[in-house]
Amino acid sequence: MDQFPVKLPLRIDWSEMDLFGHVNNVTYFKYIQASRVNYWEVSGLSTGYNEHKLGPILLSTSCQFIKPLYYPGNIVVECRIEFIKITSFGIHHRILNEQNEVVAEAHDVIVCFDFKKQEKVPVSEEFRRAVAEIEGREI
């Protein structure tokens, strides 16, 4: 099974460049956010918000920049679940350039949250099952 089963191809946009001619560091976090939300959608995690106001909320994110990216180009942001605890889980992201080189790695911690009550809630069994199916492994 693929270690990073959820992949999101993205095109580097000219507007993402900085004064030094490479993709600005803030843009990497935009790519990571797109990957995070993509995993939520693929897993069904985001569906509970409209009906029950239950959903994920970002607790922390970090990124290690390994190589620069340049326009024009394409990337793939791939991710997997690192851990699942009682009310939180972690996502590990990798950004790959067109040569399939890892140019950045990022780690998110997400908390499952009840937006009505403004409190943490346990990670649902539905999400745990979806992760096991998507990733082909128990977390």
N, C-alpha and C. Protein backbone atom coordinates (compact mmCIF):
# COMPACT_ATOMS: atom_id res chain seq x y z
N MET A 1 0.84 -1.19 0.00
CA MET A 1 0.00 0.00 0.00
C MET A 1 0.88 1.25 0.00
N ASP A 2 0.44 2.27 -0.68
CA ASP A 2 1.14 3.54 -0.76
C ASP A 2 1.21 4.18 0.62
N GLN A 3 2.38 4.62 1.02
CA GLN A 3 2.54 5.26 2.33
C GLN A 3 1.77 6.57 2.44
N PHE A 4 1.61 7.27 1.32
CA PHE A 4 0.89 8.54 1.28
C PHE A 4 -0.22 8.40 0.23
N PRO A 5 -1.36 7.81 0.62
CA PRO A 5 -2.36 7.42 -0.37
C PRO A 5 -3.22 8.54 -0.95
N VAL A 6 -3.31 9.68 -0.28
CA VAL A 6 -4.16 10.75 -0.77
C VAL A 6 -3.27 11.80 -1.42
N LYS A 7 -3.48 12.01 -2.72
CA LYS A 7 -2.60 12.89 -3.50
C LYS A 7 -3.42 13.99 -4.15
N LEU A 8 -2.85 15.18 -4.15
CA LEU A 8 -3.51 16.34 -4.74
C LEU A 8 -2.55 17.04 -5.68
N PRO A 9 -2.75 16.90 -7.00
CA PRO A 9 -1.89 17.62 -7.96
C PRO A 9 -2.30 19.09 -8.03
N LEU A 10 -1.31 19.97 -8.05
CA LEU A 10 -1.55 21.42 -8.12
C LEU A 10 -0.56 22.05 -9.10
N ARG A 11 -1.00 23.13 -9.71
CA ARG A 11 -0.14 23.89 -10.62
C ARG A 11 0.42 25.09 -9.87
N ILE A 12 1.70 25.33 -10.03
CA ILE A 12 2.32 26.51 -9.44
C ILE A 12 1.89 27.72 -10.26
N ASP A 13 1.42 28.73 -9.58
CA ASP A 13 0.96 29.94 -10.25
C ASP A 13 2.04 31.01 -10.20
N TRP A 14 2.11 31.82 -11.23
CA TRP A 14 3.11 32.88 -11.30
C TRP A 14 3.00 33.83 -10.10
N SER A 15 1.79 34.06 -9.62
CA SER A 15 1.58 34.99 -8.50
C SER A 15 2.15 34.46 -7.18
N GLU A 16 2.56 33.22 -7.14
CA GLU A 16 3.10 32.63 -5.90
C GLU A 16 4.59 32.86 -5.73
N MET A 17 5.21 33.50 -6.72
CA MET A 17 6.65 33.77 -6.69
C MET A 17 6.96 34.95 -5.77
N ASP A 18 8.16 34.96 -5.22
CA ASP A 18 8.57 36.10 -4.41
C ASP A 18 9.68 36.86 -5.12
N LEU A 19 10.21 37.87 -4.47
CA LEU A 19 11.24 38.73 -5.03
C LEU A 19 12.47 37.96 -5.48
N PHE A 20 12.73 36.83 -4.84
CA PHE A 20 13.93 36.05 -5.13
C PHE A 20 13.73 35.00 -6.22
N GLY A 21 12.53 34.96 -6.82
CA GLY A 21 12.30 34.09 -7.96
C GLY A 21 11.86 32.68 -7.64
N HIS A 22 11.54 32.40 -6.39
CA HIS A 22 11.01 31.08 -6.06
C HIS A 22 9.67 31.22 -5.34
N VAL A 23 8.98 30.11 -5.18
CA VAL A 23 7.68 30.12 -4.52
C VAL A 23 7.88 30.58 -3.08
N ASN A 24 7.06 31.54 -2.67
CA ASN A 24 7.12 32.11 -1.32
C ASN A 24 6.74 31.06 -0.28
N ASN A 25 7.38 31.14 0.88
CA ASN A 25 7.14 30.15 1.93
C ASN A 25 5.68 30.11 2.38
N VAL A 26 4.98 31.23 2.36
CA VAL A 26 3.58 31.26 2.76
C VAL A 26 2.73 30.38 1.84
N THR A 27 3.12 30.32 0.57
CA THR A 27 2.39 29.53 -0.41
C THR A 27 2.44 28.04 -0.08
N TYR A 28 3.53 27.58 0.49
CA TYR A 28 3.61 26.17 0.89
C TYR A 28 2.47 25.85 1.86
N PHE A 29 2.18 26.79 2.76
CA PHE A 29 1.09 26.56 3.72
C PHE A 29 -0.27 26.55 3.01
N LYS A 30 -0.41 27.28 1.92
CA LYS A 30 -1.63 27.21 1.11
C LYS A 30 -1.76 25.83 0.49
N TYR A 31 -0.65 25.29 -0.02
CA TYR A 31 -0.67 23.93 -0.58
C TYR A 31 -1.03 22.90 0.50
N ILE A 32 -0.48 23.08 1.69
CA ILE A 32 -0.75 22.16 2.80
C ILE A 32 -2.22 22.24 3.20
N GLN A 33 -2.76 23.46 3.23
CA GLN A 33 -4.18 23.61 3.56
C GLN A 33 -5.05 22.91 2.52
N ALA A 34 -4.72 23.06 1.26
CA ALA A 34 -5.49 22.38 0.20
C ALA A 34 -5.44 20.87 0.39
N SER A 35 -4.29 20.34 0.76
CA SER A 35 -4.13 18.91 1.01
C SER A 35 -4.95 18.46 2.22
N ARG A 36 -4.90 19.26 3.27
CA ARG A 36 -5.65 18.94 4.50
C ARG A 36 -7.15 18.88 4.21
N VAL A 37 -7.67 19.90 3.55
CA VAL A 37 -9.10 19.94 3.25
C VAL A 37 -9.47 18.82 2.28
N ASN A 38 -8.59 18.50 1.35
CA ASN A 38 -8.83 17.38 0.44
C ASN A 38 -8.97 16.08 1.23
N TYR A 39 -8.12 15.85 2.23
CA TYR A 39 -8.24 14.62 3.03
C TYR A 39 -9.57 14.62 3.77
N TRP A 40 -9.94 15.77 4.33
CA TRP A 40 -11.23 15.84 5.04
C TRP A 40 -12.37 15.47 4.11
N GLU A 41 -12.32 15.96 2.87
CA GLU A 41 -13.38 15.66 1.91
C GLU A 41 -13.36 14.19 1.50
N VAL A 42 -12.19 13.66 1.20
CA VAL A 42 -12.06 12.25 0.78
C VAL A 42 -12.56 11.31 1.88
N SER A 43 -12.28 11.66 3.13
CA SER A 43 -12.63 10.80 4.25
C SER A 43 -14.06 11.01 4.74
N GLY A 44 -14.72 12.07 4.29
CA GLY A 44 -16.08 12.37 4.76
C GLY A 44 -16.12 13.14 6.05
N LEU A 45 -14.97 13.54 6.57
CA LEU A 45 -14.92 14.23 7.86
C LEU A 45 -15.66 15.56 7.85
N SER A 46 -15.65 16.24 6.74
CA SER A 46 -16.25 17.57 6.68
C SER A 46 -17.77 17.55 6.54
N THR A 47 -18.38 16.39 6.34
CA THR A 47 -19.82 16.33 6.09
C THR A 47 -20.67 16.61 7.33
N GLY A 48 -20.15 16.42 8.52
CA GLY A 48 -20.93 16.61 9.74
C GLY A 48 -21.15 18.05 10.13
N TYR A 49 -20.45 18.96 9.48
CA TYR A 49 -20.55 20.35 9.92
C TYR A 49 -21.92 20.96 9.61
N ASN A 50 -22.41 20.84 8.40
CA ASN A 50 -23.66 21.48 8.04
C ASN A 50 -24.84 21.02 8.88
N GLU A 51 -24.89 19.73 9.13
CA GLU A 51 -26.03 19.18 9.86
C GLU A 51 -25.89 19.31 11.38
N HIS A 52 -24.70 19.02 11.91
CA HIS A 52 -24.54 18.93 13.37
C HIS A 52 -23.56 19.96 13.96
N LYS A 53 -22.93 20.74 13.09
CA LYS A 53 -21.91 21.71 13.53
C LYS A 53 -20.75 21.02 14.25
N LEU A 54 -20.43 19.80 13.78
CA LEU A 54 -19.27 19.06 14.25
C LEU A 54 -18.26 19.05 13.12
N GLY A 55 -16.99 19.26 13.45
CA GLY A 55 -16.00 19.23 12.39
C GLY A 55 -14.59 19.39 12.90
N PRO A 56 -13.65 19.36 11.98
CA PRO A 56 -12.24 19.49 12.35
C PRO A 56 -11.85 20.96 12.49
N ILE A 57 -10.88 21.19 13.36
CA ILE A 57 -10.31 22.52 13.53
C ILE A 57 -8.80 22.35 13.67
N LEU A 58 -8.05 23.21 13.02
CA LEU A 58 -6.59 23.10 13.03
C LEU A 58 -6.03 23.60 14.35
N LEU A 59 -5.26 22.75 15.03
CA LEU A 59 -4.60 23.13 16.28
C LEU A 59 -3.21 23.68 16.00
N SER A 60 -2.46 22.99 15.13
CA SER A 60 -1.12 23.46 14.80
C SER A 60 -0.69 22.91 13.45
N THR A 61 0.25 23.61 12.84
CA THR A 61 0.84 23.15 11.59
C THR A 61 2.29 23.61 11.57
N SER A 62 3.13 22.82 10.94
CA SER A 62 4.54 23.17 10.80
C SER A 62 5.03 22.64 9.46
N CYS A 63 6.07 23.28 8.95
CA CYS A 63 6.60 22.87 7.64
C CYS A 63 8.11 22.97 7.65
N GLN A 64 8.75 21.94 7.12
CA GLN A 64 10.19 21.96 6.90
C GLN A 64 10.41 22.14 5.41
N PHE A 65 11.07 23.23 5.04
CA PHE A 65 11.34 23.54 3.64
C PHE A 65 12.66 22.88 3.24
N ILE A 66 12.62 22.05 2.22
CA ILE A 66 13.79 21.27 1.83
C ILE A 66 14.43 21.80 0.55
N LYS A 67 13.61 22.09 -0.45
CA LYS A 67 14.10 22.60 -1.74
C LYS A 67 13.14 23.68 -2.23
N PRO A 68 13.64 24.64 -3.00
CA PRO A 68 12.75 25.67 -3.54
C PRO A 68 11.91 25.14 -4.71
N LEU A 69 10.79 25.80 -4.93
CA LEU A 69 9.95 25.55 -6.09
C LEU A 69 9.96 26.79 -6.97
N TYR A 70 9.73 26.58 -8.27
CA TYR A 70 9.78 27.68 -9.23
C TYR A 70 8.60 27.60 -10.18
N TYR A 71 8.23 28.76 -10.69
CA TYR A 71 7.24 28.84 -11.77
C TYR A 71 7.99 28.77 -13.09
N PRO A 72 7.46 28.14 -14.11
CA PRO A 72 6.24 27.33 -14.13
C PRO A 72 6.52 25.94 -13.57
N GLY A 73 5.49 25.27 -13.17
CA GLY A 73 5.68 23.92 -12.67
C GLY A 73 4.41 23.36 -12.07
N ASN A 74 4.51 22.11 -11.72
CA ASN A 74 3.42 21.38 -11.08
C ASN A 74 3.98 20.66 -9.88
N ILE A 75 3.12 20.47 -8.89
CA ILE A 75 3.50 19.73 -7.70
C ILE A 75 2.42 18.70 -7.39
N VAL A 76 2.76 17.80 -6.50
CA VAL A 76 1.79 16.89 -5.91
C VAL A 76 1.97 17.01 -4.41
N VAL A 77 0.86 17.25 -3.72
CA VAL A 77 0.89 17.24 -2.26
C VAL A 77 0.22 15.94 -1.85
N GLU A 78 0.97 15.12 -1.14
CA GLU A 78 0.43 13.83 -0.70
C GLU A 78 0.39 13.81 0.81
N CYS A 79 -0.55 13.03 1.35
CA CYS A 79 -0.67 13.02 2.81
C CYS A 79 -1.17 11.68 3.32
N ARG A 80 -1.01 11.54 4.61
CA ARG A 80 -1.48 10.36 5.33
C ARG A 80 -1.74 10.75 6.78
N ILE A 81 -2.53 9.95 7.44
CA ILE A 81 -2.77 10.18 8.87
C ILE A 81 -1.59 9.61 9.64
N GLU A 82 -1.04 10.44 10.53
CA GLU A 82 0.11 10.02 11.35
C GLU A 82 -0.33 9.32 12.63
N PHE A 83 -1.36 9.86 13.26
CA PHE A 83 -1.86 9.28 14.51
C PHE A 83 -3.30 9.70 14.69
N ILE A 84 -4.03 8.91 15.47
CA ILE A 84 -5.37 9.28 15.91
C ILE A 84 -5.41 9.04 17.42
N LYS A 85 -5.75 10.09 18.14
CA LYS A 85 -5.91 9.99 19.60
C LYS A 85 -7.40 10.06 19.92
N ILE A 86 -7.76 10.46 21.12
CA ILE A 86 -9.16 10.49 21.53
C ILE A 86 -9.93 11.61 20.82
N THR A 87 -9.39 12.84 20.86
CA THR A 87 -10.09 13.98 20.25
C THR A 87 -9.28 14.63 19.13
N SER A 88 -8.12 14.10 18.80
CA SER A 88 -7.26 14.73 17.80
C SER A 88 -6.60 13.68 16.89
N PHE A 89 -6.08 14.20 15.79
CA PHE A 89 -5.32 13.34 14.88
C PHE A 89 -4.29 14.20 14.17
N GLY A 90 -3.28 13.53 13.61
CA GLY A 90 -2.22 14.24 12.90
C GLY A 90 -2.18 13.84 11.44
N ILE A 91 -1.84 14.82 10.60
CA ILE A 91 -1.68 14.57 9.18
C ILE A 91 -0.24 14.91 8.78
N HIS A 92 0.39 14.01 8.06
CA HIS A 92 1.74 14.22 7.54
C HIS A 92 1.61 14.48 6.04
N HIS A 93 2.13 15.62 5.60
CA HIS A 93 2.07 16.01 4.19
C HIS A 93 3.48 16.00 3.60
N ARG A 94 3.57 15.67 2.33
CA ARG A 94 4.81 15.85 1.57
C ARG A 94 4.47 16.58 0.28
N ILE A 95 5.29 17.56 -0.08
CA ILE A 95 5.14 18.26 -1.35
C ILE A 95 6.26 17.76 -2.26
N LEU A 96 5.87 17.28 -3.44
CA LEU A 96 6.83 16.76 -4.41
C LEU A 96 6.83 17.63 -5.66
N ASN A 97 8.02 17.87 -6.19
CA ASN A 97 8.15 18.63 -7.44
C ASN A 97 7.97 17.70 -8.64
N GLU A 98 8.16 18.24 -9.84
CA GLU A 98 7.96 17.45 -11.05
C GLU A 98 8.98 16.33 -11.22
N GLN A 99 10.10 16.42 -10.53
CA GLN A 99 11.11 15.35 -10.55
C GLN A 99 10.84 14.31 -9.47
N ASN A 100 9.68 14.43 -8.81
CA ASN A 100 9.26 13.53 -7.74
C ASN A 100 10.18 13.62 -6.51
N GLU A 101 10.80 14.78 -6.33
CA GLU A 101 11.64 15.03 -5.16
C GLU A 101 10.79 15.68 -4.07
N VAL A 102 11.04 15.29 -2.83
CA VAL A 102 10.35 15.92 -1.70
C VAL A 102 10.96 17.30 -1.49
N VAL A 103 10.14 18.34 -1.62
CA VAL A 103 10.63 19.71 -1.45
C VAL A 103 10.21 20.30 -0.11
N ALA A 104 9.23 19.68 0.55
CA ALA A 104 8.80 20.14 1.87
C ALA A 104 8.02 19.01 2.55
N GLU A 105 8.09 19.00 3.87
CA GLU A 105 7.28 18.09 4.68
C GLU A 105 6.59 18.91 5.75
N ALA A 106 5.34 18.56 6.00
CA ALA A 106 4.56 19.32 6.98
C ALA A 106 3.79 18.37 7.88
N HIS A 107 3.47 18.88 9.06
CA HIS A 107 2.71 18.10 10.05
C HIS A 107 1.62 18.99 10.64
N ASP A 108 0.39 18.47 10.62
CA ASP A 108 -0.76 19.16 11.21
C ASP A 108 -1.25 18.37 12.41
N VAL A 109 -1.79 19.08 13.37
CA VAL A 109 -2.57 18.46 14.43
C VAL A 109 -3.97 19.06 14.33
N ILE A 110 -4.96 18.18 14.23
CA ILE A 110 -6.35 18.56 14.04
C ILE A 110 -7.15 18.09 15.25
N VAL A 111 -8.07 18.93 15.71
CA VAL A 111 -8.95 18.57 16.82
C VAL A 111 -10.37 18.47 16.28
N CYS A 112 -11.10 17.45 16.69
CA CYS A 112 -12.51 17.33 16.36
C CYS A 112 -13.28 18.22 17.33
N PHE A 113 -14.19 19.03 16.78
CA PHE A 113 -14.75 20.12 17.56
C PHE A 113 -16.26 20.23 17.35
N ASP A 114 -16.96 20.52 18.46
CA ASP A 114 -18.39 20.82 18.42
C ASP A 114 -18.50 22.34 18.42
N PHE A 115 -18.88 22.91 17.28
CA PHE A 115 -18.91 24.35 17.14
C PHE A 115 -20.10 24.98 17.86
N LYS A 116 -21.14 24.21 18.17
CA LYS A 116 -22.27 24.72 18.97
C LYS A 116 -21.85 24.87 20.43
N LYS A 117 -21.25 23.82 20.96
CA LYS A 117 -20.87 23.81 22.38
C LYS A 117 -19.50 24.43 22.62
N GLN A 118 -18.74 24.64 21.54
CA GLN A 118 -17.39 25.19 21.64
C GLN A 118 -16.49 24.32 22.52
N GLU A 119 -16.50 23.00 22.19
CA GLU A 119 -15.65 22.07 22.93
C GLU A 119 -15.20 20.93 22.04
N LYS A 120 -14.11 20.29 22.47
CA LYS A 120 -13.58 19.13 21.75
C LYS A 120 -14.56 17.97 21.87
N VAL A 121 -14.54 17.11 20.84
CA VAL A 121 -15.34 15.89 20.87
C VAL A 121 -14.45 14.74 20.39
N PRO A 122 -14.82 13.52 20.73
CA PRO A 122 -14.01 12.38 20.28
C PRO A 122 -14.00 12.23 18.75
N VAL A 123 -12.89 11.73 18.24
CA VAL A 123 -12.79 11.39 16.82
C VAL A 123 -13.83 10.30 16.56
N SER A 124 -14.61 10.47 15.53
CA SER A 124 -15.71 9.54 15.26
C SER A 124 -15.21 8.19 14.76
N GLU A 125 -16.00 7.18 15.03
CA GLU A 125 -15.71 5.84 14.51
C GLU A 125 -15.79 5.83 12.99
N GLU A 126 -16.68 6.63 12.42
CA GLU A 126 -16.79 6.72 10.96
C GLU A 126 -15.48 7.20 10.34
N PHE A 127 -14.87 8.21 10.96
CA PHE A 127 -13.60 8.72 10.44
C PHE A 127 -12.51 7.67 10.60
N ARG A 128 -12.46 7.00 11.74
CA ARG A 128 -11.47 5.95 11.96
C ARG A 128 -11.59 4.85 10.89
N ARG A 129 -12.82 4.45 10.58
CA ARG A 129 -13.05 3.43 9.55
C ARG A 129 -12.64 3.94 8.18
N ALA A 130 -12.97 5.20 7.88
CA ALA A 130 -12.61 5.79 6.58
C ALA A 130 -11.09 5.81 6.42
N VAL A 131 -10.37 6.18 7.47
CA VAL A 131 -8.90 6.21 7.41
C VAL A 131 -8.37 4.81 7.17
N ALA A 132 -8.90 3.83 7.87
CA ALA A 132 -8.45 2.44 7.68
C ALA A 132 -8.68 1.99 6.24
N GLU A 133 -9.81 2.39 5.66
CA GLU A 133 -10.10 2.01 4.28
C GLU A 133 -9.21 2.75 3.29
N ILE A 134 -9.05 4.06 3.48
CA ILE A 134 -8.24 4.88 2.57
C ILE A 134 -6.78 4.44 2.60
N GLU A 135 -6.29 4.19 3.80
CA GLU A 135 -4.86 3.94 3.97
C GLU A 135 -4.50 2.45 4.03
N GLY A 136 -5.53 1.59 4.12
CA GLY A 136 -5.25 0.17 4.16
C GLY A 136 -4.53 -0.27 5.42
N ARG A 137 -4.78 0.45 6.51
CA ARG A 137 -4.12 0.11 7.78
C ARG A 137 -4.92 0.69 8.93
N GLU A 138 -4.77 0.09 10.08
CA GLU A 138 -5.37 0.60 11.30
C GLU A 138 -4.41 1.61 11.94
N ILE A 139 -4.94 2.67 12.45
CA ILE A 139 -4.11 3.70 13.10
C ILE A 139 -4.30 3.60 14.60
